[in-house]
PDB file of N, CA and C in Angstrom:
ATOM      1  N   UNK A   1       0.643  -1.168  -0.091  1.00  0.00           N
ATOM      2  CA  UNK A   1       0.008   0.258  -0.099  1.00  0.00           C
ATOM      3  C   UNK A   1       0.969   1.441   0.104  1.00  0.00           C
ATOM      4  N   UNK A   2       1.750   0.873   0.926  1.00  0.00           N
ATOM      5  CA  UNK A   2       3.056   2.286   0.793  1.00  0.00           C
ATOM      6  C   UNK A   2       3.441   2.441  -0.378  1.00  0.00           C
ATOM      7  N   UNK A   3       3.896   1.525  -1.439  1.00  0.00           N
ATOM      8  CA  UNK A   3       4.696   2.191  -2.468  1.00  0.00           C
ATOM      9  C   UNK A   3       3.893   2.356  -3.896  1.00  0.00           C
ATOM     10  N   UNK A   4       2.238   1.891  -3.143  1.00  0.00           N
ATOM     11  CA  UNK A   4       1.340   2.605  -4.516  1.00  0.00           C
ATOM     12  C   UNK A   4       0.931   4.055  -3.915  1.00  0.00           C
ATOM     13  N   UNK A   5       1.434   3.766  -2.722  1.00  0.00           N
ATOM     14  CA  UNK A   5       0.638   5.701  -2.249  1.00  0.00           C
ATOM     15  C   UNK A   5       1.893   6.658  -2.887  1.00  0.00           C
ATOM     16  N   UNK A   6       3.533   6.614  -2.818  1.00  0.00           N
ATOM     17  CA  UNK A   6       4.128   6.862  -3.578  1.00  0.00           C
ATOM     18  C   UNK A   6       4.281   6.867  -4.896  1.00  0.00           C
ATOM     19  N   UNK A   7       4.015   6.023  -5.609  1.00  0.00           N
ATOM     20  CA  UNK A   7       3.888   6.068  -7.078  1.00  0.00           C
ATOM     21  C   UNK A   7       2.408   6.756  -7.718  1.00  0.00           C
ATOM     22  N   UNK A   8       1.674   6.821  -6.748  1.00  0.00           N
ATOM     23  CA  UNK A   8       0.809   7.691  -6.884  1.00  0.00           C
ATOM     24  C   UNK A   8       0.843   9.433  -6.687  1.00  0.00           C
ATOM     25  N   UNK A   9       1.721   9.697  -5.645  1.00  0.00           N
ATOM     26  CA  UNK A   9       2.368  10.838  -5.547  1.00  0.00           C
ATOM     27  C   UNK A   9       2.830  11.107  -6.266  1.00  0.00           C
ATOM     28  N   UNK A  10       4.047  10.629  -6.847  1.00  0.00           N
ATOM     29  CA  UNK A  10       4.739  11.017  -7.831  1.00  0.00           C
ATOM     30  C   UNK A  10       4.112  11.237  -9.625  1.00  0.00           C
ATOM     31  N   UNK A  11       2.836  10.330  -9.539  1.00  0.00           N
ATOM     32  CA  UNK A  11       2.591  10.875 -10.707  1.00  0.00           C
ATOM     33  C   UNK A  11       1.837  11.936 -10.749  1.00  0.00           C
ATOM     34  N   UNK A  12       0.902  12.594  -9.439  1.00  0.00           N
ATOM     35  CA  UNK A  12       0.127  13.476  -9.002  1.00  0.00           C
ATOM     36  C   UNK A  12       1.388  14.563  -9.559  1.00  0.00           C
ATOM     37  N   UNK A  13       2.420  14.531  -9.236  1.00  0.00           N
ATOM     38  CA  UNK A  13       3.252  16.318  -9.069  1.00  0.00           C
ATOM     39  C   UNK A  13       3.753  16.386 -10.786  1.00  0.00           C
ATOM     40  N   UNK A  14       2.874  15.631 -11.176  1.00  0.00           N
ATOM     41  CA  UNK A  14       3.211  16.049 -12.909  1.00  0.00           C
ATOM     42  C   UNK A  14       3.566  14.831 -13.743  1.00  0.00           C
ATOM     43  N   UNK A  15       4.116  13.850 -13.242  1.00  0.00           N
ATOM     44  CA  UNK A  15       4.508  12.957 -13.875  1.00  0.00           C
ATOM     45  C   UNK A  15       3.670  12.098 -15.391  1.00  0.00           C
ATOM     46  N   UNK A  16       2.495  11.828 -14.385  1.00  0.00           N
ATOM     47  CA  UNK A  16       0.897  11.688 -15.689  1.00  0.00           C
ATOM     48  C   UNK A  16       1.205  12.632 -16.870  1.00  0.00           C
ATOM     49  N   UNK A  17       1.408  13.701 -17.083  1.00  0.00           N
ATOM     50  CA  UNK A  17       1.000  14.323 -17.759  1.00  0.00           C
ATOM     51  C   UNK A  17       2.267  14.418 -18.607  1.00  0.00           C
ATOM     52  N   UNK A  18       3.280  14.064 -18.728  1.00  0.00           N
ATOM     53  CA  UNK A  18       4.767  13.617 -19.664  1.00  0.00           C
ATOM     54  C   UNK A  18       4.574  12.614 -20.577  1.00  0.00           C
ATOM     55  N   UNK A  19       4.545  12.941 -21.758  1.00  0.00           N
ATOM     56  CA  UNK A  19       4.635  12.097 -23.218  1.00  0.00           C
ATOM     57  C   UNK A  19       5.671  10.920 -23.504  1.00  0.00           C
ATOM     58  N   UNK A  20       5.143   9.737 -23.964  1.00  0.00           N
ATOM     59  CA  UNK A  20       5.765   8.895 -24.626  1.00  0.00           C
ATOM     60  C   UNK A  20       6.667   7.711 -23.765  1.00  0.00           C
ATOM     61  N   UNK A  21       6.440   6.235 -23.662  1.00  0.00           N
ATOM     62  CA  UNK A  21       7.037   5.815 -23.379  1.00  0.00           C
ATOM     63  C   UNK A  21       6.564   4.711 -24.346  1.00  0.00           C
ATOM     64  N   UNK A  22       7.598   3.340 -25.171  1.00  0.00           N
ATOM     65  CA  UNK A  22       7.612   3.089 -26.264  1.00  0.00           C
ATOM     66  C   UNK A  22       8.005   1.401 -25.354  1.00  0.00           C
ATOM     67  N   UNK A  23       7.328   0.701 -25.555  1.00  0.00           N
ATOM     68  CA  UNK A  23       7.738  -0.787 -24.590  1.00  0.00           C
ATOM     69  C   UNK A  23       7.877  -1.928 -25.995  1.00  0.00           C
ATOM     70  N   UNK A  24       9.229  -1.072 -26.600  1.00  0.00           N
ATOM     71  CA  UNK A  24       9.165  -2.187 -28.027  1.00  0.00           C
ATOM     72  C   UNK A  24       9.491  -3.193 -27.176  1.00  0.00           C
ATOM     73  N   UNK A  25      10.554  -3.287 -26.478  1.00  0.00           N
ATOM     74  CA  UNK A  25      10.833  -4.782 -26.046  1.00  0.00           C
ATOM     75  C   UNK A  25      11.951  -4.976 -26.514  1.00  0.00           C
ATOM     76  N   UNK A  26      13.047  -3.970 -27.141  1.00  0.00           N
ATOM     77  CA  UNK A  26      13.959  -3.985 -27.475  1.00  0.00           C
ATOM     78  C   UNK A  26      15.650  -4.145 -26.841  1.00  0.00           C
ATOM     79  N   UNK A  27      16.498  -5.083 -27.110  1.00  0.00           N
ATOM     80  CA  UNK A  27      17.183  -5.460 -25.827  1.00  0.00           C
ATOM     81  C   UNK A  27      17.943  -3.845 -25.402  1.00  0.00           C
ATOM     82  N   UNK A  28      18.797  -4.377 -24.206  1.00  0.00           N
ATOM     83  CA  UNK A  28      19.386  -3.175 -23.573  1.00  0.00           C
ATOM     84  C   UNK A  28      20.519  -2.926 -24.754  1.00  0.00           C
ATOM     85  N   UNK A  29      21.399  -4.046 -25.630  1.00  0.00           N
ATOM     86  CA  UNK A  29      22.354  -3.234 -25.965  1.00  0.00           C
ATOM     87  C   UNK A  29      22.243  -2.880 -27.836  1.00  0.00           C
ATOM     88  N   UNK A  30      20.291  -3.152 -28.027  1.00  0.00           N
ATOM     89  CA  UNK A  30      20.079  -2.736 -29.389  1.00  0.00           C
ATOM     90  C   UNK A  30      19.604  -1.200 -29.225  1.00  0.00           C
ATOM     91  N   UNK A  31      19.384  -1.315 -27.696  1.00  0.00           N
ATOM     92  CA  UNK A  31      19.110   0.397 -27.519  1.00  0.00           C
ATOM     93  C   UNK A  31      20.206   1.162 -27.334  1.00  0.00           C
ATOM     94  N   UNK A  32      21.196   0.653 -26.611  1.00  0.00           N
ATOM     95  CA  UNK A  32      22.407   1.584 -26.602  1.00  0.00           C
ATOM     96  C   UNK A  32      23.362   1.726 -27.903  1.00  0.00           C
ATOM     97  N   UNK A  33      22.991   1.201 -28.637  1.00  0.00           N
ATOM     98  CA  UNK A  33      23.413   0.875 -30.027  1.00  0.00           C
ATOM     99  C   UNK A  33      22.807   2.151 -30.582  1.00  0.00           C
ATOM    100  N   UNK A  34      21.446   1.979 -30.568  1.00  0.00           N
ATOM    101  CA  UNK A  34      20.200   2.743 -31.125  1.00  0.00           C
ATOM    102  C   UNK A  34      20.648   4.189 -30.861  1.00  0.00           C
ATOM    103  N   UNK A  35      21.568   5.177 -30.633  1.00  0.00           N
ATOM    104  CA  UNK A  35      21.673   6.396 -30.192  1.00  0.00           C
ATOM    105  C   UNK A  35      20.928   7.191 -30.817  1.00  0.00           C
ATOM    106  N   UNK A  36      19.951   8.135 -30.064  1.00  0.00           N
ATOM    107  CA  UNK A  36      19.342   9.161 -31.281  1.00  0.00           C
ATOM    108  C   UNK A  36      20.105  10.139 -32.106  1.00  0.00           C
ATOM    109  N   UNK A  37      20.358  10.484 -33.047  1.00  0.00           N
ATOM    110  CA  UNK A  37      20.842  11.501 -33.882  1.00  0.00           C
ATOM    111  C   UNK A  37      20.571  12.698 -33.081  1.00  0.00           C
ATOM    112  N   UNK A  38      21.384  14.154 -32.559  1.00  0.00           N
ATOM    113  CA  UNK A  38      21.173  14.976 -32.087  1.00  0.00           C
ATOM    114  C   UNK A  38      20.097  15.734 -32.777  1.00  0.00           C
ATOM    115  N   UNK A  39      19.411  15.586 -33.797  1.00  0.00           N
ATOM    116  CA  UNK A  39      18.235  16.843 -34.118  1.00  0.00           C
ATOM    117  C   UNK A  39      17.117  15.704 -33.928  1.00  0.00           C
ATOM    118  N   UNK A  40      16.933  14.563 -33.574  1.00  0.00           N
ATOM    119  CA  UNK A  40      15.842  13.508 -33.104  1.00  0.00           C
ATOM    120  C   UNK A  40      15.649  13.356 -31.517  1.00  0.00           C
ATOM    121  N   UNK A  41      16.310  14.381 -30.280  1.00  0.00           N
ATOM    122  CA  UNK A  41      16.488  14.105 -29.037  1.00  0.00           C
ATOM    123  C   UNK A  41      14.984  14.316 -28.956  1.00  0.00           C
ATOM    124  N   UNK A  42      14.310  15.151 -29.237  1.00  0.00           N
ATOM    125  CA  UNK A  42      13.185  15.325 -28.797  1.00  0.00           C
ATOM    126  C   UNK A  42      11.791  14.055 -29.167  1.00  0.00           C
ATOM    127  N   UNK A  43      11.676  13.793 -30.261  1.00  0.00           N
ATOM    128  CA  UNK A  43      10.908  12.678 -30.270  1.00  0.00           C
ATOM    129  C   UNK A  43      11.511  11.504 -29.278  1.00  0.00           C
ATOM    130  N   UNK A  44      12.480  10.944 -29.355  1.00  0.00           N
ATOM    131  CA  UNK A  44      13.141  10.243 -28.264  1.00  0.00           C
ATOM    132  C   UNK A  44      12.590  10.625 -26.828  1.00  0.00           C
ATOM    133  N   UNK A  45      13.098  11.733 -26.599  1.00  0.00           N
ATOM    134  CA  UNK A  45      12.517  12.526 -24.857  1.00  0.00           C
ATOM    135  C   UNK A  45      11.155  12.143 -24.817  1.00  0.00           C
ATOM    136  N   UNK A  46      10.309  12.431 -25.988  1.00  0.00           N
ATOM    137  CA  UNK A  46       8.993  12.070 -25.817  1.00  0.00           C
ATOM    138  C   UNK A  46       8.219  10.902 -25.536  1.00  0.00           C
ATOM    139  N   UNK A  47       9.334   9.893 -26.867  1.00  0.00           N
ATOM    140  CA  UNK A  47       8.930   8.425 -26.524  1.00  0.00           C
ATOM    141  C   UNK A  47       8.893   7.816 -25.325  1.00  0.00           C
ATOM    142  N   UNK A  48      10.173   8.493 -24.636  1.00  0.00           N
ATOM    143  CA  UNK A  48      10.914   7.603 -23.430  1.00  0.00           C
ATOM    144  C   UNK A  48       9.678   7.759 -21.996  1.00  0.00           C
ATOM    145  N   UNK A  49       9.416   9.513 -22.319  1.00  0.00           N
ATOM    146  CA  UNK A  49       8.892   9.665 -21.074  1.00  0.00           C
ATOM    147  C   UNK A  49       7.233  10.085 -20.968  1.00  0.00           C
ATOM    148  N   UNK A  50       6.748   9.491 -22.021  1.00  0.00           N
ATOM    149  CA  UNK A  50       5.271   9.430 -22.174  1.00  0.00           C
ATOM    150  C   UNK A  50       4.501   8.470 -21.633  1.00  0.00           C
ATOM    151  N   UNK A  51       3.425   8.147 -21.418  1.00  0.00           N
ATOM    152  CA  UNK A  51       2.583   7.236 -20.211  1.00  0.00           C
ATOM    153  C   UNK A  51       3.237   6.944 -18.936  1.00  0.00           C
ATOM    154  N   UNK A  52       3.868   7.421 -18.470  1.00  0.00           N
ATOM    155  CA  UNK A  52       4.516   7.289 -16.966  1.00  0.00           C
ATOM    156  C   UNK A  52       3.826   6.804 -16.403  1.00  0.00           C
ATOM    157  N   UNK A  53       2.164   6.928 -16.522  1.00  0.00           N
ATOM    158  CA  UNK A  53       1.366   6.750 -15.446  1.00  0.00           C
ATOM    159  C   UNK A  53       1.122   4.949 -15.881  1.00  0.00           C
ATOM    160  N   UNK A  54       1.819   4.750 -16.742  1.00  0.00           N
ATOM    161  CA  UNK A  54       1.779   3.142 -17.179  1.00  0.00           C
ATOM    162  C   UNK A  54       2.688   2.156 -16.826  1.00  0.00           C
ATOM    163  N   UNK A  55       3.697   2.624 -16.115  1.00  0.00           N
ATOM    164  CA  UNK A  55       5.048   2.133 -15.745  1.00  0.00           C
ATOM    165  C   UNK A  55       4.878   0.841 -14.975  1.00  0.00           C
ATOM    166  N   UNK A  56       3.699   0.961 -14.066  1.00  0.00           N
ATOM    167  CA  UNK A  56       3.679  -0.534 -13.289  1.00  0.00           C
ATOM    168  C   UNK A  56       2.756  -1.750 -13.782  1.00  0.00           C
ATOM    169  N   UNK A  57       3.143  -1.252 -15.168  1.00  0.00           N
ATOM    170  CA  UNK A  57       2.239  -2.685 -16.519  1.00  0.00           C
ATOM    171  C   UNK A  57       3.600  -3.190 -16.869  1.00  0.00           C
ATOM    172  N   UNK A  58       4.643  -2.411 -17.152  1.00  0.00           N
ATOM    173  CA  UNK A  58       5.649  -3.091 -17.950  1.00  0.00           C
ATOM    174  C   UNK A  58       6.529  -4.018 -17.078  1.00  0.00           C
ATOM    175  N   UNK A  59       7.266  -5.005 -17.503  1.00  0.00           N
ATOM    176  CA  UNK A  59       8.117  -5.831 -17.538  1.00  0.00           C
ATOM    177  C   UNK A  59       9.465  -5.384 -17.154  1.00  0.00           C
ATOM    178  N   UNK A  60      10.069  -6.266 -16.472  1.00  0.00           N
ATOM    179  CA  UNK A  60      11.243  -5.681 -15.568  1.00  0.00           C
ATOM    180  C   UNK A  60      12.006  -4.926 -16.974  1.00  0.00           C
ATOM    181  N   UNK A  61      12.004  -6.078 -17.708  1.00  0.00           N
ATOM    182  CA  UNK A  61      12.905  -6.235 -18.894  1.00  0.00           C
ATOM    183  C   UNK A  61      12.466  -4.448 -19.256  1.00  0.00           C
ATOM    184  N   UNK A  62      11.400  -4.649 -19.760  1.00  0.00           N
ATOM    185  CA  UNK A  62      11.072  -3.134 -20.379  1.00  0.00           C
ATOM    186  C   UNK A  62      11.426  -1.752 -19.936  1.00  0.00           C
ATOM    187  N   UNK A  63      11.299  -2.055 -18.392  1.00  0.00           N
ATOM    188  CA  UNK A  63      12.095  -1.156 -17.454  1.00  0.00           C
ATOM    189  C   UNK A  63      13.417  -0.924 -17.584  1.00  0.00           C
ATOM    190  N   UNK A  64      14.140  -1.766 -17.772  1.00  0.00           N
ATOM    191  CA  UNK A  64      15.196  -1.608 -17.572  1.00  0.00           C
ATOM    192  C   UNK A  64      15.877  -0.731 -18.776  1.00  0.00           C
ATOM    193  N   UNK A  65      14.707  -1.225 -19.973  1.00  0.00           N
ATOM    194  CA  UNK A  65      15.114  -0.738 -21.195  1.00  0.00           C
ATOM    195  C   UNK A  65      15.025   0.735 -21.509  1.00  0.00           C
ATOM    196  N   UNK A  66      13.839   1.154 -20.446  1.00  0.00           N
ATOM    197  CA  UNK A  66      13.471   2.736 -20.657  1.00  0.00           C
ATOM    198  C   UNK A  66      14.704   3.232 -19.606  1.00  0.00           C
ATOM    199  N   UNK A  67      15.341   2.839 -18.830  1.00  0.00           N
ATOM    200  CA  UNK A  67      16.164   3.161 -18.156  1.00  0.00           C
ATOM    201  C   UNK A  67      17.470   3.474 -18.716  1.00  0.00           C
ATOM    202  N   UNK A  68      17.960   2.834 -19.746  1.00  0.00           N
ATOM    203  CA  UNK A  68      19.039   2.501 -20.151  1.00  0.00           C
ATOM    204  C   UNK A  68      18.796   3.789 -21.494  1.00  0.00           C
ATOM    205  N   UNK A  69      17.508   3.778 -21.921  1.00  0.00           N
ATOM    206  CA  UNK A  69      17.328   5.040 -22.632  1.00  0.00           C
ATOM    207  C   UNK A  69      17.357   6.416 -22.329  1.00  0.00           C
ATOM    208  N   UNK A  70      17.063   6.427 -21.174  1.00  0.00           N
ATOM    209  CA  UNK A  70      17.050   7.702 -20.482  1.00  0.00           C
ATOM    210  C   UNK A  70      18.329   8.186 -20.000  1.00  0.00           C
ATOM    211  N   UNK A  71      19.186   7.023 -19.808  1.00  0.00           N
ATOM    212  CA  UNK A  71      20.803   7.127 -19.579  1.00  0.00           C
ATOM    213  C   UNK A  71      21.055   7.683 -20.532  1.00  0.00           C
ATOM    214  N   UNK A  72      21.146   6.732 -22.051  1.00  0.00           N
ATOM    215  CA  UNK A  72      21.903   7.525 -23.491  1.00  0.00           C
ATOM    216  C   UNK A  72      21.178   8.639 -23.862  1.00  0.00           C
ATOM    217  N   UNK A  73      20.139   8.746 -23.564  1.00  0.00           N
ATOM    218  CA  UNK A  73      19.398  10.637 -23.801  1.00  0.00           C
ATOM    219  C   UNK A  73      20.135  11.711 -23.096  1.00  0.00           C
ATOM    220  N   UNK A  74      20.915  11.265 -21.826  1.00  0.00           N
ATOM    221  CA  UNK A  74      20.849  12.288 -21.004  1.00  0.00           C
ATOM    222  C   UNK A  74      21.973  13.255 -21.460  1.00  0.00           C
ATOM    223  N   UNK A  75      23.160  12.567 -22.199  1.00  0.00           N
ATOM    224  CA  UNK A  75      24.087  13.250 -22.947  1.00  0.00           C
ATOM    225  C   UNK A  75      23.932  14.679 -24.024  1.00  0.00           C
ATOM    226  N   UNK A  76      22.555  14.071 -24.609  1.00  0.00           N
ATOM    227  CA  UNK A  76      22.296  14.888 -26.012  1.00  0.00           C
ATOM    228  C   UNK A  76      21.679  16.363 -25.248  1.00  0.00           C
ATOM    229  N   UNK A  77      20.991  16.090 -24.165  1.00  0.00           N
ATOM    230  CA  UNK A  77      20.183  17.108 -23.458  1.00  0.00           C
ATOM    231  C   UNK A  77      20.879  18.214 -22.743  1.00  0.00           C
ATOM    232  N   UNK A  78      21.880  17.754 -21.892  1.00  0.00           N
ATOM    233  CA  UNK A  78      23.460  18.454 -21.531  1.00  0.00           C
ATOM    234  C   UNK A  78      23.381  19.243 -22.560  1.00  0.00           C
ATOM    235  N   UNK A  79      23.313  19.282 -23.747  1.00  0.00           N
ATOM    236  CA  UNK A  79      24.020  20.092 -25.140  1.00  0.00           C
ATOM    237  C   UNK A  79      23.233  21.255 -24.983  1.00  0.00           C
ATOM    238  N   UNK A  80      21.844  21.151 -25.161  1.00  0.00           N
ATOM    239  CA  UNK A  80      21.054  22.463 -25.044  1.00  0.00           C
ATOM    240  C   UNK A  80      21.478  23.943 -24.561  1.00  0.00           C
ATOM    241  N   UNK A  81      20.505  24.247 -24.676  1.00  0.00           N
ATOM    242  CA  UNK A  81      20.858  25.875 -23.735  1.00  0.00           C
ATOM    243  C   UNK A  81      20.255  25.728 -22.894  1.00  0.00           C
ATOM    244  N   UNK A  82      20.709  26.658 -21.727  1.00  0.00           N
ATOM    245  CA  UNK A  82      20.523  26.284 -20.271  1.00  0.00           C
ATOM    246  C   UNK A  82      19.313  26.179 -20.049  1.00  0.00           C
ATOM    247  N   UNK A  83      18.373  26.821 -20.305  1.00  0.00           N
ATOM    248  CA  UNK A  83      16.862  26.784 -19.843  1.00  0.00           C
ATOM    249  C   UNK A  83      16.334  25.645 -20.664  1.00  0.00           C
ATOM    250  N   UNK A  84      16.278  25.151 -21.362  1.00  0.00           N
ATOM    251  CA  UNK A  84      16.158  24.054 -22.174  1.00  0.00           C
ATOM    252  C   UNK A  84      16.640  22.852 -21.314  1.00  0.00           C
ATOM    253  N   UNK A  85      17.911  22.954 -21.320  1.00  0.00           N
ATOM    254  CA  UNK A  85      18.736  21.714 -20.553  1.00  0.00           C
ATOM    255  C   UNK A  85      18.209  21.599 -19.109  1.00  0.00           C
ATOM    256  N   UNK A  86      18.085  22.627 -18.337  1.00  0.00           N
ATOM    257  CA  UNK A  86      17.290  22.268 -17.086  1.00  0.00           C
ATOM    258  C   UNK A  86      16.161  21.849 -17.370  1.00  0.00           C
ATOM    259  N   UNK A  87      15.097  22.316 -17.660  1.00  0.00           N
ATOM    260  CA  UNK A  87      13.450  21.676 -17.818  1.00  0.00           C
ATOM    261  C   UNK A  87      13.658  19.907 -18.503  1.00  0.00           C
ATOM    262  N   UNK A  88      14.578  20.179 -19.466  1.00  0.00           N
ATOM    263  CA  UNK A  88      14.360  18.710 -19.872  1.00  0.00           C
ATOM    264  C   UNK A  88      15.404  17.605 -19.319  1.00  0.00           C
ATOM    265  N   UNK A  89      16.180  17.759 -18.456  1.00  0.00           N
ATOM    266  CA  UNK A  89      17.124  17.040 -17.831  1.00  0.00           C
ATOM    267  C   UNK A  89      16.240  16.774 -16.533  1.00  0.00           C
ATOM    268  N   UNK A  90      15.571  18.129 -15.890  1.00  0.00           N
ATOM    269  CA  UNK A  90      14.657  17.725 -15.206  1.00  0.00           C
ATOM    270  C   UNK A  90      13.333  16.385 -15.091  1.00  0.00           C
ATOM    271  N   UNK A  91      12.935  16.709 -15.744  1.00  0.00           N
ATOM    272  CA  UNK A  91      12.164  16.126 -16.500  1.00  0.00           C
ATOM    273  C   UNK A  91      12.227  14.387 -17.066  1.00  0.00           C
ATOM    274  N   UNK A  92      13.770  14.639 -17.330  1.00  0.00           N
ATOM    275  CA  UNK A  92      14.010  12.953 -18.058  1.00  0.00           C
ATOM    276  C   UNK A  92      14.679  12.632 -16.529  1.00  0.00           C
ATOM    277  N   UNK A  93      14.970  13.178 -15.506  1.00  0.00           N
ATOM    278  CA  UNK A  93      15.390  12.350 -14.510  1.00  0.00           C
ATOM    279  C   UNK A  93      13.822  12.088 -13.331  1.00  0.00           C
ATOM    280  N   UNK A  94      13.007  12.799 -13.720  1.00  0.00           N
ATOM    281  CA  UNK A  94      12.020  12.119 -12.931  1.00  0.00           C
ATOM    282  C   UNK A  94      11.505  11.263 -13.310  1.00  0.00           C
ATOM    283  N   UNK A  95      11.120  10.742 -14.744  1.00  0.00           N
ATOM    284  CA  UNK A  95      10.783   9.799 -15.664  1.00  0.00           C
ATOM    285  C   UNK A  95      11.780   8.756 -15.269  1.00  0.00           C
ATOM    286  N   UNK A  96      13.193   8.998 -15.353  1.00  0.00           N
ATOM    287  CA  UNK A  96      14.159   7.684 -14.745  1.00  0.00           C
ATOM    288  C   UNK A  96      14.029   7.367 -13.529  1.00  0.00           C
ATOM    289  N   UNK A  97      13.763   8.171 -12.700  1.00  0.00           N
ATOM    290  CA  UNK A  97      13.704   7.729 -11.919  1.00  0.00           C
ATOM    291  C   UNK A  97      12.013   7.403 -11.024  1.00  0.00           C
ATOM    292  N   UNK A  98      11.120   7.270 -11.444  1.00  0.00           N
ATOM    293  CA  UNK A  98       9.856   6.557 -11.557  1.00  0.00           C
ATOM    294  C   UNK A  98      10.253   5.212 -12.398  1.00  0.00           C
ATOM    295  N   UNK A  99      10.956   5.042 -13.292  1.00  0.00           N
ATOM    296  CA  UNK A  99      10.855   3.882 -13.900  1.00  0.00           C
ATOM    297  C   UNK A  99      12.015   3.079 -13.037  1.00  0.00           C
ATOM    298  N   UNK A 100      12.959   3.249 -12.228  1.00  0.00           N
ATOM    299  CA  UNK A 100      14.240   2.622 -11.546  1.00  0.00           C
ATOM    300  C   UNK A 100      12.925   2.241 -10.151  1.00  0.00           C
ATOM    301  N   UNK A 101      12.191   3.272  -9.327  1.00  0.00           N
ATOM    302  CA  UNK A 101      11.593   3.033  -8.500  1.00  0.00           C
ATOM    303  C   UNK A 101      10.396   1.921  -8.851  1.00  0.00           C
ATOM    304  N   UNK A 102       9.611   1.852  -9.603  1.00  0.00           N
ATOM    305  CA  UNK A 102       9.160   0.651 -10.315  1.00  0.00           C
ATOM    306  C   UNK A 102       9.855  -0.574 -10.225  1.00  0.00           C
ATOM    307  N   UNK A 103      10.637  -0.600 -11.136  1.00  0.00           N
ATOM    308  CA  UNK A 103      12.086  -2.016 -11.692  1.00  0.00           C
ATOM    309  C   UNK A 103      12.240  -2.577 -10.022  1.00  0.00           C
ATOM    310  N   UNK A 104      12.942  -1.352  -9.090  1.00  0.00           N
ATOM    311  CA  UNK A 104      12.965  -2.001  -7.718  1.00  0.00           C
ATOM    312  C   UNK A 104      12.262  -2.637  -7.103  1.00  0.00           C
ATOM    313  N   UNK A 105      10.620  -1.836  -7.142  1.00  0.00           N
ATOM    314  CA  UNK A 105       9.633  -2.615  -6.498  1.00  0.00           C
ATOM    315  C   UNK A 105       9.157  -3.665  -6.941  1.00  0.00           C
ATOM    316  N   UNK A 106       9.300  -3.991  -8.113  1.00  0.00           N
ATOM    317  CA  UNK A 106       9.124  -5.405  -8.696  1.00  0.00           C
ATOM    318  C   UNK A 106      10.014  -6.153  -8.731  1.00  0.00           C
ATOM    319  N   UNK A 107      11.075  -6.188  -8.206  1.00  0.00           N
ATOM    320  CA  UNK A 107      12.116  -6.802  -7.748  1.00  0.00           C
ATOM    321  C   UNK A 107      12.009  -7.081  -6.509  1.00  0.00           C
ATOM    322  N   UNK A 108      11.550  -6.387  -5.809  1.00  0.00           N
ATOM    323  CA  UNK A 108      11.376  -6.686  -4.346  1.00  0.00           C
ATOM    324  C   UNK A 108      10.420  -7.519  -3.637  1.00  0.00           C
ATOM    325  N   UNK A 109       8.923  -7.236  -4.983  1.00  0.00           N
ATOM    326  CA  UNK A 109       7.966  -7.951  -4.697  1.00  0.00           C
ATOM    327  C   UNK A 109       8.347  -9.519  -5.372  1.00  0.00           C
ATOM    328  N   UNK A 110       9.063  -9.973  -5.727  1.00  0.00           N
ATOM    329  CA  UNK A 110       9.260 -11.311  -5.875  1.00  0.00           C
ATOM    330  C   UNK A 110       9.884 -11.555  -4.706  1.00  0.00           C
ATOM    331  N   UNK A 111      10.985 -11.544  -4.137  1.00  0.00           N
ATOM    332  CA  UNK A 111      11.489 -11.865  -2.980  1.00  0.00           C
ATOM    333  C   UNK A 111      10.827 -12.654  -1.808  1.00  0.00           C
TER     334      UNK A 111
END
């Protein structure tokens, strides 16, 4: 119940409004090799950060792949102008944090 409350609180604080998770089922190595080109960071960001409200429905493998995609996208966001860099990196970190939390919760639930 406590975990559900935390996830709900995170979603209420604005994560539910973010756009774009693709649960394509790609392997982690495929995601790393498919680093988006600089001009496509926005579409990758939108894809990775959408539908965070559905994070609990993803498998552990899908969550791990999303976390890797967030990690790959972060260096591209660091190259943006100061204002956009701050906004997008903060939002990406929130998405990644939620995915990591849900992944950890699922792993702990198996124990």
